[in-house]
Amino acid sequence: MGKVKITQSRSDIKRPETQQRTLRALGLGRLNKSIEVELTPQIAGMIQKVNHLVTVKEL
């Protein structure tokens, strides 16, 4: 599996609680905050759940 860079591009205000918790579990929570993680099936599922709030780049 490769590494990906995930950046929060939209706010989680007025989003369902499950989406807010998913962002926190990824290590995000503020706009333009980025993390680099190994792309595992679990991370891919989390990205898919909040794909409208984040941008993803492969490294």
C-alpha atoms as a PDB file:
ATOM      1  CA  MET A   1       0.000   0.000   0.000  1.00  0.00           C
ATOM      2  CA  GLY A   2       1.134   3.558  -0.686  1.00  0.00           C
ATOM      3  CA  LYS A   3       1.049   6.685   1.400  1.00  0.00           C
ATOM      4  CA  VAL A   4      -1.536   9.416   0.941  1.00  0.00           C
ATOM      5  CA  LYS A   5      -1.800  13.007   2.101  1.00  0.00           C
ATOM      6  CA  ILE A   6      -5.258  13.932   3.412  1.00  0.00           C
ATOM      7  CA  THR A   7      -6.203  17.595   3.807  1.00  0.00           C
ATOM      8  CA  GLN A   8      -9.444  18.848   5.319  1.00  0.00           C
ATOM      9  CA  SER A   9     -10.870  21.279   2.767  1.00  0.00           C
ATOM     10  CA  ARG A  10     -14.374  21.879   4.137  1.00  0.00           C
ATOM     11  CA  SER A  11     -15.785  22.488   7.599  1.00  0.00           C
ATOM     12  CA  ASP A  12     -17.528  19.824   9.647  1.00  0.00           C
ATOM     13  CA  ILE A  13     -20.036  22.300  11.109  1.00  0.00           C
ATOM     14  CA  LYS A  14     -23.632  21.074  10.663  1.00  0.00           C
ATOM     15  CA  ARG A  15     -22.433  17.628   9.572  1.00  0.00           C
ATOM     16  CA  PRO A  16     -23.658  14.379  11.121  1.00  0.00           C
ATOM     17  CA  GLU A  17     -21.879  13.282  14.299  1.00  0.00           C
ATOM     18  CA  THR A  18     -20.482  10.176  12.573  1.00  0.00           C
ATOM     19  CA  GLN A  19     -18.716  12.317   9.960  1.00  0.00           C
ATOM     20  CA  GLN A  20     -17.282  14.593  12.658  1.00  0.00           C
ATOM     21  CA  ARG A  21     -15.977  11.562  14.560  1.00  0.00           C
ATOM     22  CA  THR A  22     -14.443  10.134  11.393  1.00  0.00           C
ATOM     23  CA  LEU A  23     -12.510  13.368  10.818  1.00  0.00           C
ATOM     24  CA  ARG A  24     -11.261  13.298  14.419  1.00  0.00           C
ATOM     25  CA  ALA A  25     -10.230   9.653  14.049  1.00  0.00           C
ATOM     26  CA  LEU A  26      -8.212  10.579  10.962  1.00  0.00           C
ATOM     27  CA  GLY A  27      -6.451  13.275  12.980  1.00  0.00           C
ATOM     28  CA  LEU A  28      -8.162  16.213  11.313  1.00  0.00           C
ATOM     29  CA  GLY A  29     -10.487  18.837  12.743  1.00  0.00           C
ATOM     30  CA  ARG A  30      -9.358  22.200  11.390  1.00  0.00           C
ATOM     31  CA  LEU A  31      -9.489  23.557   7.868  1.00  0.00           C
ATOM     32  CA  ASN A  32      -6.327  23.037   5.798  1.00  0.00           C
ATOM     33  CA  LYS A  33      -4.863  20.610   8.327  1.00  0.00           C
ATOM     34  CA  SER A  34      -3.006  17.758   6.608  1.00  0.00           C
ATOM     35  CA  ILE A  35      -1.828  14.311   7.592  1.00  0.00           C
ATOM     36  CA  GLU A  36       0.211  11.646   5.815  1.00  0.00           C
ATOM     37  CA  VAL A  37      -0.886   8.067   6.398  1.00  0.00           C
ATOM     38  CA  GLU A  38      -0.421   4.614   4.927  1.00  0.00           C
ATOM     39  CA  LEU A  39      -3.395   3.739   2.708  1.00  0.00           C
ATOM     40  CA  THR A  40      -5.001   0.709   4.342  1.00  0.00           C
ATOM     41  CA  PRO A  41      -8.532  -0.604   3.747  1.00  0.00           C
ATOM     42  CA  GLN A  42      -9.623   1.012   7.027  1.00  0.00           C
ATOM     43  CA  ILE A  43      -8.257   4.434   6.068  1.00  0.00           C
ATOM     44  CA  ALA A  44      -9.750   4.106   2.565  1.00  0.00           C
ATOM     45  CA  GLY A  45     -13.170   3.479   4.106  1.00  0.00           C
ATOM     46  CA  MET A  46     -12.826   6.517   6.356  1.00  0.00           C
ATOM     47  CA  ILE A  47     -11.816   8.661   3.384  1.00  0.00           C
ATOM     48  CA  GLN A  48     -14.811   7.434   1.411  1.00  0.00           C
ATOM     49  CA  LYS A  49     -17.141   8.372   4.257  1.00  0.00           C
ATOM     50  CA  VAL A  50     -15.946  12.012   4.355  1.00  0.00           C
ATOM     51  CA  ASN A  51     -14.696  12.415   0.771  1.00  0.00           C
ATOM     52  CA  HIS A  52     -16.795  15.577   0.319  1.00  0.00           C
ATOM     53  CA  LEU A  53     -14.896  17.250   3.194  1.00  0.00           C
ATOM     54  CA  VAL A  54     -11.305  16.270   2.326  1.00  0.00           C
ATOM     55  CA  THR A  55      -8.867  16.220  -0.574  1.00  0.00           C
ATOM     56  CA  VAL A  56      -6.537  13.260  -1.062  1.00  0.00           C
ATOM     57  CA  LYS A  57      -3.192  13.144  -2.873  1.00  0.00           C
ATOM     58  CA  GLU A  58      -1.035  10.086  -3.430  1.00  0.00           C
ATOM     59  CA  LEU A  59       2.597  10.403  -2.422  1.00  0.00           C
END
